[in-house]
Amino acid sequence: MKTARRWGRLAARVASLAAGLTLLVLVGAQFSHAIALNLDLAHRVAAAQAERTQLVADNARLRVQIRRLQTPEGAVPAIHDELHLVRPREEIIYLQGDHAVGR
């Protein structure tokens, strides 16, 4: 009788330990999944913020370009450079090397 009780207690303890370890492993797996998901979302947020910063800078640059192109002083050189259009009795002279004019 005593050995049967001992084996019964031992079996109950082993079953309890196995259930506890299983629960611990499951909770740990869920926790690690939540951490991985959180890190992934943090990287996505950082990428979106970097993209937004780039878009804001591009927007500012394009606004300056639009303002410049709305005036004849800005539009005429752009027309000459991009479309190679000239007025009657005008000519475009292209320079190479150190003499080239930068924008």
PDB file of N, CA and C in Angstrom:
ATOM      1  N   MET A   1       0.794  -1.188   0.000  1.00  0.00           N
ATOM      2  CA  MET A   1       0.000   0.000   0.000  1.00  0.00           C
ATOM      3  C   MET A   1       0.844   1.263   0.000  1.00  0.00           C
ATOM      4  N   LYS A   2       1.851   1.254   0.865  1.00  0.00           N
ATOM      5  CA  LYS A   2       2.658   2.467   0.962  1.00  0.00           C
ATOM      6  C   LYS A   2       3.391   2.741  -0.347  1.00  0.00           C
ATOM      7  N   THR A   3       3.871   1.713  -0.983  1.00  0.00           N
ATOM      8  CA  THR A   3       4.579   1.942  -2.245  1.00  0.00           C
ATOM      9  C   THR A   3       3.624   2.402  -3.341  1.00  0.00           C
ATOM     10  N   ALA A   4       2.386   1.940  -3.297  1.00  0.00           N
ATOM     11  CA  ALA A   4       1.408   2.386  -4.296  1.00  0.00           C
ATOM     12  C   ALA A   4       1.100   3.860  -4.106  1.00  0.00           C
ATOM     13  N   ARG A   5       0.995   4.293  -2.849  1.00  0.00           N
ATOM     14  CA  ARG A   5       0.758   5.726  -2.583  1.00  0.00           C
ATOM     15  C   ARG A   5       1.956   6.561  -3.016  1.00  0.00           C
ATOM     16  N   ARG A   6       3.146   6.041  -2.722  1.00  0.00           N
ATOM     17  CA  ARG A   6       4.357   6.786  -3.105  1.00  0.00           C
ATOM     18  C   ARG A   6       4.419   6.945  -4.628  1.00  0.00           C
ATOM     19  N   TRP A   7       4.125   5.842  -5.335  1.00  0.00           N
ATOM     20  CA  TRP A   7       4.137   5.921  -6.796  1.00  0.00           C
ATOM     21  C   TRP A   7       3.036   6.846  -7.297  1.00  0.00           C
ATOM     22  N   GLY A   8       1.914   6.863  -6.624  1.00  0.00           N
ATOM     23  CA  GLY A   8       0.820   7.760  -6.999  1.00  0.00           C
ATOM     24  C   GLY A   8       1.197   9.215  -6.785  1.00  0.00           C
ATOM     25  N   ARG A   9       1.829   9.498  -5.636  1.00  0.00           N
ATOM     26  CA  ARG A   9       2.287  10.879  -5.362  1.00  0.00           C
ATOM     27  C   ARG A   9       3.362  11.299  -6.358  1.00  0.00           C
ATOM     28  N   LEU A  10       4.287  10.382  -6.607  1.00  0.00           N
ATOM     29  CA  LEU A  10       5.359  10.691  -7.557  1.00  0.00           C
ATOM     30  C   LEU A  10       4.782  10.960  -8.947  1.00  0.00           C
ATOM     31  N   ALA A  11       3.827  10.156  -9.351  1.00  0.00           N
ATOM     32  CA  ALA A  11       3.197  10.362 -10.661  1.00  0.00           C
ATOM     33  C   ALA A  11       2.455  11.697 -10.697  1.00  0.00           C
ATOM     34  N   ALA A  12       1.784  12.055  -9.606  1.00  0.00           N
ATOM     35  CA  ALA A  12       1.076  13.337  -9.549  1.00  0.00           C
ATOM     36  C   ALA A  12       2.058  14.499  -9.602  1.00  0.00           C
ATOM     37  N   ARG A  13       3.174  14.357  -8.890  1.00  0.00           N
ATOM     38  CA  ARG A  13       4.191  15.424  -8.905  1.00  0.00           C
ATOM     39  C   ARG A  13       4.809  15.572 -10.304  1.00  0.00           C
ATOM     40  N   VAL A  14       5.105  14.451 -10.937  1.00  0.00           N
ATOM     41  CA  VAL A  14       5.683  14.496 -12.289  1.00  0.00           C
ATOM     42  C   VAL A  14       4.682  15.108 -13.263  1.00  0.00           C
ATOM     43  N   ALA A  15       3.410  14.746 -13.129  1.00  0.00           N
ATOM     44  CA  ALA A  15       2.377  15.311 -14.004  1.00  0.00           C
ATOM     45  C   ALA A  15       2.226  16.809 -13.762  1.00  0.00           C
ATOM     46  N   SER A  16       2.257  17.212 -12.493  1.00  0.00           N
ATOM     47  CA  SER A  16       2.166  18.646 -12.173  1.00  0.00           C
ATOM     48  C   SER A  16       3.369  19.399 -12.721  1.00  0.00           C
ATOM     49  N   LEU A  17       4.562  18.814 -12.562  1.00  0.00           N
ATOM     50  CA  LEU A  17       5.774  19.445 -13.081  1.00  0.00           C
ATOM     51  C   LEU A  17       5.709  19.553 -14.605  1.00  0.00           C
ATOM     52  N   ALA A  18       5.251  18.507 -15.267  1.00  0.00           N
ATOM     53  CA  ALA A  18       5.136  18.534 -16.728  1.00  0.00           C
ATOM     54  C   ALA A  18       4.125  19.582 -17.172  1.00  0.00           C
ATOM     55  N   ALA A  19       2.996  19.662 -16.461  1.00  0.00           N
ATOM     56  CA  ALA A  19       1.990  20.672 -16.811  1.00  0.00           C
ATOM     57  C   ALA A  19       2.541  22.076 -16.586  1.00  0.00           C
ATOM     58  N   GLY A  20       3.251  22.272 -15.490  1.00  0.00           N
ATOM     59  CA  GLY A  20       3.847  23.584 -15.216  1.00  0.00           C
ATOM     60  C   GLY A  20       4.879  23.975 -16.258  1.00  0.00           C
ATOM     61  N   LEU A  21       5.738  23.028 -16.628  1.00  0.00           N
ATOM     62  CA  LEU A  21       6.750  23.316 -17.648  1.00  0.00           C
ATOM     63  C   LEU A  21       6.107  23.595 -19.006  1.00  0.00           C
ATOM     64  N   THR A  22       5.063  22.844 -19.328  1.00  0.00           N
ATOM     65  CA  THR A  22       4.348  23.079 -20.583  1.00  0.00           C
ATOM     66  C   THR A  22       3.741  24.473 -20.600  1.00  0.00           C
ATOM     67  N   LEU A  23       3.124  24.848 -19.500  1.00  0.00           N
ATOM     68  CA  LEU A  23       2.542  26.184 -19.391  1.00  0.00           C
ATOM     69  C   LEU A  23       3.614  27.260 -19.507  1.00  0.00           C
ATOM     70  N   LEU A  24       4.752  27.038 -18.851  1.00  0.00           N
ATOM     71  CA  LEU A  24       5.854  27.998 -18.909  1.00  0.00           C
ATOM     72  C   LEU A  24       6.386  28.145 -20.337  1.00  0.00           C
ATOM     73  N   VAL A  25       6.510  27.027 -21.044  1.00  0.00           N
ATOM     74  CA  VAL A  25       6.989  27.071 -22.430  1.00  0.00           C
ATOM     75  C   VAL A  25       5.990  27.808 -23.315  1.00  0.00           C
ATOM     76  N   LEU A  26       4.706  27.537 -23.135  1.00  0.00           N
ATOM     77  CA  LEU A  26       3.689  28.210 -23.946  1.00  0.00           C
ATOM     78  C   LEU A  26       3.663  29.712 -23.685  1.00  0.00           C
ATOM     79  N   VAL A  27       3.742  30.108 -22.425  1.00  0.00           N
ATOM     80  CA  VAL A  27       3.761  31.537 -22.089  1.00  0.00           C
ATOM     81  C   VAL A  27       5.018  32.190 -22.647  1.00  0.00           C
ATOM     82  N   GLY A  28       6.150  31.506 -22.543  1.00  0.00           N
ATOM     83  CA  GLY A  28       7.398  32.040 -23.094  1.00  0.00           C
ATOM     84  C   GLY A  28       7.338  32.205 -24.600  1.00  0.00           C
ATOM     85  N   ALA A  29       6.730  31.240 -25.277  1.00  0.00           N
ATOM     86  CA  ALA A  29       6.598  31.331 -26.734  1.00  0.00           C
ATOM     87  C   ALA A  29       5.704  32.502 -27.125  1.00  0.00           C
ATOM     88  N   GLN A  30       4.610  32.681 -26.416  1.00  0.00           N
ATOM     89  CA  GLN A  30       3.718  33.808 -26.701  1.00  0.00           C
ATOM     90  C   GLN A  30       4.422  35.138 -26.436  1.00  0.00           C
ATOM     91  N   PHE A  31       5.189  35.180 -25.352  1.00  0.00           N
ATOM     92  CA  PHE A  31       5.901  36.407 -25.004  1.00  0.00           C
ATOM     93  C   PHE A  31       6.951  36.737 -26.063  1.00  0.00           C
ATOM     94  N   SER A  32       7.686  35.710 -26.513  1.00  0.00           N
ATOM     95  CA  SER A  32       8.702  35.968 -27.540  1.00  0.00           C
ATOM     96  C   SER A  32       8.049  36.387 -28.855  1.00  0.00           C
ATOM     97  N   HIS A  33       6.895  35.826 -29.167  1.00  0.00           N
ATOM     98  CA  HIS A  33       6.170  36.231 -30.375  1.00  0.00           C
ATOM     99  C   HIS A  33       5.724  37.690 -30.268  1.00  0.00           C
ATOM    100  N   ALA A  34       5.239  38.081 -29.098  1.00  0.00           N
ATOM    101  CA  ALA A  34       4.812  39.469 -28.898  1.00  0.00           C
ATOM    102  C   ALA A  34       5.994  40.423 -29.021  1.00  0.00           C
ATOM    103  N   ILE A  35       7.148  40.039 -28.498  1.00  0.00           N
ATOM    104  CA  ILE A  35       8.343  40.888 -28.605  1.00  0.00           C
ATOM    105  C   ILE A  35       8.776  41.010 -30.064  1.00  0.00           C
ATOM    106  N   ALA A  36       8.777  39.905 -30.795  1.00  0.00           N
ATOM    107  CA  ALA A  36       9.164  39.944 -32.211  1.00  0.00           C
ATOM    108  C   ALA A  36       8.208  40.818 -33.014  1.00  0.00           C
ATOM    109  N   LEU A  37       6.927  40.703 -32.736  1.00  0.00           N
ATOM    110  CA  LEU A  37       5.936  41.529 -33.425  1.00  0.00           C
ATOM    111  C   LEU A  37       6.133  43.007 -33.097  1.00  0.00           C
ATOM    112  N   ASN A  38       6.420  43.297 -31.841  1.00  0.00           N
ATOM    113  CA  ASN A  38       6.651  44.675 -31.416  1.00  0.00           C
ATOM    114  C   ASN A  38       7.886  45.263 -32.107  1.00  0.00           C
ATOM    115  N   LEU A  39       8.950  44.482 -32.200  1.00  0.00           N
ATOM    116  CA  LEU A  39      10.155  44.964 -32.882  1.00  0.00           C
ATOM    117  C   LEU A  39       9.897  45.196 -34.368  1.00  0.00           C
ATOM    118  N   ASP A  40       9.149  44.303 -34.993  1.00  0.00           N
ATOM    119  CA  ASP A  40       8.810  44.469 -36.408  1.00  0.00           C
ATOM    120  C   ASP A  40       8.010  45.749 -36.625  1.00  0.00           C
ATOM    121  N   LEU A  41       7.038  45.981 -35.764  1.00  0.00           N
ATOM    122  CA  LEU A  41       6.232  47.200 -35.888  1.00  0.00           C
ATOM    123  C   LEU A  41       7.069  48.449 -35.624  1.00  0.00           C
ATOM    124  N   ALA A  42       8.007  48.363 -34.691  1.00  0.00           N
ATOM    125  CA  ALA A  42       8.884  49.509 -34.422  1.00  0.00           C
ATOM    126  C   ALA A  42       9.737  49.830 -35.645  1.00  0.00           C
ATOM    127  N   HIS A  43      10.236  48.798 -36.322  1.00  0.00           N
ATOM    128  CA  HIS A  43      11.020  49.027 -37.545  1.00  0.00           C
ATOM    129  C   HIS A  43      10.153  49.640 -38.641  1.00  0.00           C
ATOM    130  N   ARG A  44       8.924  49.169 -38.748  1.00  0.00           N
ATOM    131  CA  ARG A  44       8.019  49.738 -39.756  1.00  0.00           C
ATOM    132  C   ARG A  44       7.713  51.198 -39.464  1.00  0.00           C
ATOM    133  N   VAL A  45       7.505  51.529 -38.199  1.00  0.00           N
ATOM    134  CA  VAL A  45       7.231  52.923 -37.825  1.00  0.00           C
ATOM    135  C   VAL A  45       8.442  53.794 -38.139  1.00  0.00           C
ATOM    136  N   ALA A  46       9.637  53.303 -37.819  1.00  0.00           N
ATOM    137  CA  ALA A  46      10.852  54.071 -38.110  1.00  0.00           C
ATOM    138  C   ALA A  46      11.010  54.283 -39.613  1.00  0.00           C
ATOM    139  N   ALA A  47      10.726  53.253 -40.404  1.00  0.00           N
ATOM    140  CA  ALA A  47      10.827  53.391 -41.862  1.00  0.00           C
ATOM    141  C   ALA A  47       9.795  54.382 -42.383  1.00  0.00           C
ATOM    142  N   ALA A  48       8.590  54.343 -41.837  1.00  0.00           N
ATOM    143  CA  ALA A  48       7.549  55.283 -42.264  1.00  0.00           C
ATOM    144  C   ALA A  48       7.920  56.710 -41.887  1.00  0.00           C
ATOM    145  N   GLN A  49       8.516  56.890 -40.712  1.00  0.00           N
ATOM    146  CA  GLN A  49       8.930  58.232 -40.308  1.00  0.00           C
ATOM    147  C   GLN A  49      10.059  58.744 -41.192  1.00  0.00           C
ATOM    148  N   ALA A  50      10.992  57.875 -41.545  1.00  0.00           N
ATOM    149  CA  ALA A  50      12.076  58.282 -42.443  1.00  0.00           C
ATOM    150  C   ALA A  50      11.528  58.637 -43.822  1.00  0.00           C
ATOM    151  N   GLU A  51      10.577  57.845 -44.304  1.00  0.00           N
ATOM    152  CA  GLU A  51       9.961  58.141 -45.602  1.00  0.00           C
ATOM    153  C   GLU A  51       9.209  59.463 -45.550  1.00  0.00           C
ATOM    154  N   ARG A  52       8.514  59.722 -44.446  1.00  0.00           N
ATOM    155  CA  ARG A  52       7.784  60.983 -44.294  1.00  0.00           C
ATOM    156  C   ARG A  52       8.753  62.160 -44.294  1.00  0.00           C
ATOM    157  N   THR A  53       9.870  62.022 -43.585  1.00  0.00           N
ATOM    158  CA  THR A  53      10.871  63.089 -43.557  1.00  0.00           C
ATOM    159  C   THR A  53      11.392  63.367 -44.961  1.00  0.00           C
ATOM    160  N   GLN A  54      11.661  62.301 -45.715  1.00  0.00           N
ATOM    161  CA  GLN A  54      12.135  62.468 -47.091  1.00  0.00           C
ATOM    162  C   GLN A  54      11.074  63.134 -47.952  1.00  0.00           C
ATOM    163  N   LEU A  55       9.821  62.747 -47.787  1.00  0.00           N
ATOM    164  CA  LEU A  55       8.744  63.345 -48.574  1.00  0.00           C
ATOM    165  C   LEU A  55       8.549  64.818 -48.232  1.00  0.00           C
ATOM    166  N   VAL A  56       8.694  65.179 -46.958  1.00  0.00           N
ATOM    167  CA  VAL A  56       8.579  66.587 -46.565  1.00  0.00           C
ATOM    168  C   VAL A  56       9.700  67.398 -47.208  1.00  0.00           C
ATOM    169  N   ALA A  57      10.918  66.854 -47.205  1.00  0.00           N
ATOM    170  CA  ALA A  57      12.042  67.553 -47.837  1.00  0.00           C
ATOM    171  C   ALA A  57      11.826  67.678 -49.345  1.00  0.00           C
ATOM    172  N   ASP A  58      11.361  66.602 -49.979  1.00  0.00           N
ATOM    173  CA  ASP A  58      11.074  66.659 -51.419  1.00  0.00           C
ATOM    174  C   ASP A  58       9.979  67.675 -51.720  1.00  0.00           C
ATOM    175  N   ASN A  59       8.960  67.714 -50.874  1.00  0.00           N
ATOM    176  CA  ASN A  59       7.859  68.655 -51.053  1.00  0.00           C
ATOM    177  C   ASN A  59       8.367  70.097 -50.973  1.00  0.00           C
ATOM    178  N   ALA A  60       9.226  70.379 -49.999  1.00  0.00           N
ATOM    179  CA  ALA A  60       9.777  71.733 -49.867  1.00  0.00           C
ATOM    180  C   ALA A  60      10.617  72.094 -51.092  1.00  0.00           C
ATOM    181  N   ARG A  61      11.433  71.137 -51.550  1.00  0.00           N
ATOM    182  CA  ARG A  61      12.268  71.394 -52.729  1.00  0.00           C
ATOM    183  C   ARG A  61      11.402  71.641 -53.961  1.00  0.00           C
ATOM    184  N   LEU A  62      10.343  70.870 -54.111  1.00  0.00           N
ATOM    185  CA  LEU A  62       9.461  71.040 -55.264  1.00  0.00           C
ATOM    186  C   LEU A  62       8.685  72.351 -55.196  1.00  0.00           C
ATOM    187  N   ARG A  63       8.312  72.776 -53.997  1.00  0.00           N
ATOM    188  CA  ARG A  63       7.631  74.074 -53.863  1.00  0.00           C
ATOM    189  C   ARG A  63       8.544  75.221 -54.300  1.00  0.00           C
ATOM    190  N   VAL A  64       9.816  75.135 -53.920  1.00  0.00           N
ATOM    191  CA  VAL A  64      10.782  76.159 -54.351  1.00  0.00           C
ATOM    192  C   VAL A  64      10.914  76.136 -55.868  1.00  0.00           C
ATOM    193  N   GLN A  65      10.977  74.946 -56.434  1.00  0.00           N
ATOM    194  CA  GLN A  65      11.104  74.831 -57.888  1.00  0.00           C
ATOM    195  C   GLN A  65       9.854  75.369 -58.588  1.00  0.00           C
ATOM    196  N   ILE A  66       8.683  75.109 -58.043  1.00  0.00           N
ATOM    197  CA  ILE A  66       7.440  75.624 -58.637  1.00  0.00           C
ATOM    198  C   ILE A  66       7.430  77.142 -58.595  1.00  0.00           C
ATOM    199  N   ARG A  67       7.808  77.720 -57.436  1.00  0.00           N
ATOM    200  CA  ARG A  67       7.855  79.192 -57.341  1.00  0.00           C
ATOM    201  C   ARG A  67       8.834  79.773 -58.351  1.00  0.00           C
ATOM    202  N   ARG A  68       9.979  79.093 -58.527  1.00  0.00           N
ATOM    203  CA  ARG A  68      10.987  79.583 -59.472  1.00  0.00           C
ATOM    204  C   ARG A  68      10.461  79.498 -60.899  1.00  0.00           C
ATOM    205  N   LEU A  69       9.769  78.422 -61.229  1.00  0.00           N
ATOM    206  CA  LEU A  69       9.291  78.241 -62.595  1.00  0.00           C
ATOM    207  C   LEU A  69       8.072  79.093 -62.922  1.00  0.00           C
ATOM    208  N   GLN A  70       7.445  79.692 -61.922  1.00  0.00           N
ATOM    209  CA  GLN A  70       6.295  80.556 -62.179  1.00  0.00           C
ATOM    210  C   GLN A  70       6.714  81.949 -62.634  1.00  0.00           C
ATOM    211  N   THR A  71       7.990  82.260 -62.533  1.00  0.00           N
ATOM    212  CA  THR A  71       8.475  83.566 -62.991  1.00  0.00           C
ATOM    213  C   THR A  71       9.216  83.380 -64.311  1.00  0.00           C
ATOM    214  N   PRO A  72       9.200  84.401 -65.160  1.00  0.00           N
ATOM    215  CA  PRO A  72       9.940  84.291 -66.425  1.00  0.00           C
ATOM    216  C   PRO A  72      11.436  84.080 -66.208  1.00  0.00           C
ATOM    217  N   GLU A  73      11.982  84.685 -65.152  1.00  0.00           N
ATOM    218  CA  GLU A  73      13.421  84.534 -64.893  1.00  0.00           C
ATOM    219  C   GLU A  73      13.787  83.079 -64.594  1.00  0.00           C
ATOM    220  N   GLY A  74      12.861  82.340 -64.032  1.00  0.00           N
ATOM    221  CA  GLY A  74      13.130  80.933 -63.740  1.00  0.00           C
ATOM    222  C   GLY A  74      12.676  80.002 -64.841  1.00  0.00           C
ATOM    223  N   ALA A  75      11.604  80.379 -65.540  1.00  0.00           N
ATOM    224  CA  ALA A  75      11.048  79.493 -66.560  1.00  0.00           C
ATOM    225  C   ALA A  75      11.878  79.481 -67.836  1.00  0.00           C
ATOM    226  N   VAL A  76      12.385  80.637 -68.250  1.00  0.00           N
ATOM    227  CA  VAL A  76      13.120  80.714 -69.519  1.00  0.00           C
ATOM    228  C   VAL A  76      14.370  79.833 -69.497  1.00  0.00           C
ATOM    229  N   PRO A  77      15.217  79.899 -68.464  1.00  0.00           N
ATOM    230  CA  PRO A  77      16.373  78.988 -68.464  1.00  0.00           C
ATOM    231  C   PRO A  77      15.967  77.509 -68.437  1.00  0.00           C
ATOM    232  N   ALA A  78      14.882  77.192 -67.739  1.00  0.00           N
ATOM    233  CA  ALA A  78      14.428  75.798 -67.702  1.00  0.00           C
ATOM    234  C   ALA A  78      13.952  75.354 -69.076  1.00  0.00           C
ATOM    235  N   ILE A  79      13.274  76.230 -69.789  1.00  0.00           N
ATOM    236  CA  ILE A  79      12.812  75.912 -71.144  1.00  0.00           C
ATOM    237  C   ILE A  79      14.008  75.680 -72.060  1.00  0.00           C
ATOM    238  N   HIS A  80      15.002  76.545 -71.945  1.00  0.00           N
ATOM    239  CA  HIS A  80      16.202  76.377 -72.765  1.00  0.00           C
ATOM    240  C   HIS A  80      16.913  75.064 -72.427  1.00  0.00           C
ATOM    241  N   ASP A  81      17.071  74.780 -71.132  1.00  0.00           N
ATOM    242  CA  ASP A  81      17.831  73.598 -70.713  1.00  0.00           C
ATOM    243  C   ASP A  81      17.114  72.293 -71.036  1.00  0.00           C
ATOM    244  N   GLU A  82      15.829  72.219 -70.762  1.00  0.00           N
ATOM    245  CA  GLU A  82      15.128  70.949 -70.883  1.00  0.00           C
ATOM    246  C   GLU A  82      14.523  70.725 -72.266  1.00  0.00           C
ATOM    247  N   LEU A  83      13.992  71.764 -72.871  1.00  0.00           N
ATOM    248  CA  LEU A  83      13.310  71.591 -74.152  1.00  0.00           C
ATOM    249  C   LEU A  83      14.154  72.031 -75.340  1.00  0.00           C
ATOM    250  N   HIS A  84      15.230  72.721 -75.060  1.00  0.00           N
ATOM    251  CA  HIS A  84      16.117  73.244 -76.103  1.00  0.00           C
ATOM    252  C   HIS A  84      15.362  74.156 -77.065  1.00  0.00           C
ATOM    253  N   LEU A  85      14.410  74.902 -76.544  1.00  0.00           N
ATOM    254  CA  LEU A  85      13.659  75.854 -77.355  1.00  0.00           C
ATOM    255  C   LEU A  85      14.310  77.230 -77.245  1.00  0.00           C
ATOM    256  N   VAL A  86      14.312  77.948 -78.351  1.00  0.00           N
ATOM    257  CA  VAL A  86      14.863  79.302 -78.364  1.00  0.00           C
ATOM    258  C   VAL A  86      13.900  80.211 -79.114  1.00  0.00           C
ATOM    259  N   ARG A  87      14.027  81.485 -78.851  1.00  0.00           N
ATOM    260  CA  ARG A  87      13.234  82.481 -79.574  1.00  0.00           C
ATOM    261  C   ARG A  87      13.870  82.719 -80.945  1.00  0.00           C
ATOM    262  N   PRO A  88      13.149  83.383 -81.793  1.00  0.00           N
ATOM    263  CA  PRO A  88      13.772  83.739 -83.079  1.00  0.00           C
ATOM    264  C   PRO A  88      15.022  84.592 -82.842  1.00  0.00           C
ATOM    265  N   ARG A  89      16.023  84.355 -83.597  1.00  0.00           N
ATOM    266  CA  ARG A  89      17.317  85.043 -83.532  1.00  0.00           C
ATOM    267  C   ARG A  89      18.049  84.775 -82.212  1.00  0.00           C
ATOM    268  N   GLU A  90      17.726  83.686 -81.523  1.00  0.00           N
ATOM    269  CA  GLU A  90      18.452  83.269 -80.321  1.00  0.00           C
ATOM    270  C   GLU A  90      19.185  81.974 -80.637  1.00  0.00           C
ATOM    271  N   GLU A  91      20.280  81.773 -79.941  1.00  0.00           N
ATOM    272  CA  GLU A  91      21.035  80.534 -80.084  1.00  0.00           C
ATOM    273  C   GLU A  91      21.443  80.053 -78.699  1.00  0.00           C
ATOM    274  N   ILE A  92      21.531  78.742 -78.543  1.00  0.00           N
ATOM    275  CA  ILE A  92      22.021  78.158 -77.294  1.00  0.00           C
ATOM    276  C   ILE A  92      23.462  77.741 -77.524  1.00  0.00           C
ATOM    277  N   ILE A  93      24.305  78.149 -76.622  1.00  0.00           N
ATOM    278  CA  ILE A  93      25.718  77.788 -76.704  1.00  0.00           C
ATOM    279  C   ILE A  93      26.010  76.843 -75.538  1.00  0.00           C
ATOM    280  N   TYR A  94      26.515  75.666 -75.830  1.00  0.00           N
ATOM    281  CA  TYR A  94      26.860  74.681 -74.807  1.00  0.00           C
ATOM    282  C   TYR A  94      28.352  74.748 -74.541  1.00  0.00           C
ATOM    283  N   LEU A  95      28.723  74.842 -73.277  1.00  0.00           N
ATOM    284  CA  LEU A  95      30.124  74.874 -72.877  1.00  0.00           C
ATOM    285  C   LEU A  95      30.474  73.556 -72.212  1.00  0.00           C
ATOM    286  N   GLN A  96      31.702  73.103 -72.402  1.00  0.00           N
ATOM    287  CA  GLN A  96      32.158  71.871 -71.776  1.00  0.00           C
ATOM    288  C   GLN A  96      33.330  72.177 -70.861  1.00  0.00           C
ATOM    289  N   GLY A  97      33.569  71.259 -69.934  1.00  0.00           N
ATOM    290  CA  GLY A  97      34.735  71.387 -69.072  1.00  0.00           C
ATOM    291  C   GLY A  97      34.527  72.376 -67.943  1.00  0.00           C
ATOM    292  N   ASP A  98      35.598  73.103 -67.609  1.00  0.00           N
ATOM    293  CA  ASP A  98      35.582  74.029 -66.480  1.00  0.00           C
ATOM    294  C   ASP A  98      34.717  75.251 -66.732  1.00  0.00           C
ATOM    295  N   HIS A  99      34.366  75.523 -67.963  1.00  0.00           N
ATOM    296  CA  HIS A  99      33.615  76.725 -68.295  1.00  0.00           C
ATOM    297  C   HIS A  99      32.107  76.513 -68.228  1.00  0.00           C
ATOM    298  N   ALA A 100      31.682  75.297 -67.969  1.00  0.00           N
ATOM    299  CA  ALA A 100      30.245  75.000 -67.937  1.00  0.00           C
ATOM    300  C   ALA A 100      29.601  75.694 -66.744  1.00  0.00           C
ATOM    301  N   VAL A 101      28.397  76.181 -66.970  1.00  0.00           N
ATOM    302  CA  VAL A 101      27.669  76.894 -65.925  1.00  0.00           C
ATOM    303  C   VAL A 101      26.844  75.878 -65.144  1.00  0.00           C
ATOM    304  N   GLY A 102      26.993  75.862 -63.828  1.00  0.00           N
ATOM    305  CA  GLY A 102      26.205  74.952 -62.987  1.00  0.00           C
ATOM    306  C   GLY A 102      24.896  75.585 -62.608  1.00  0.00           C
ATOM    307  N   ARG A 103      23.933  74.751 -62.268  1.00  0.00           N
ATOM    308  CA  ARG A 103      22.615  75.266 -61.866  1.00  0.00           C
ATOM    309  C   ARG A 103      22.650  75.685 -60.438  1.00  0.00           C
TER     310      ARG A 103
END
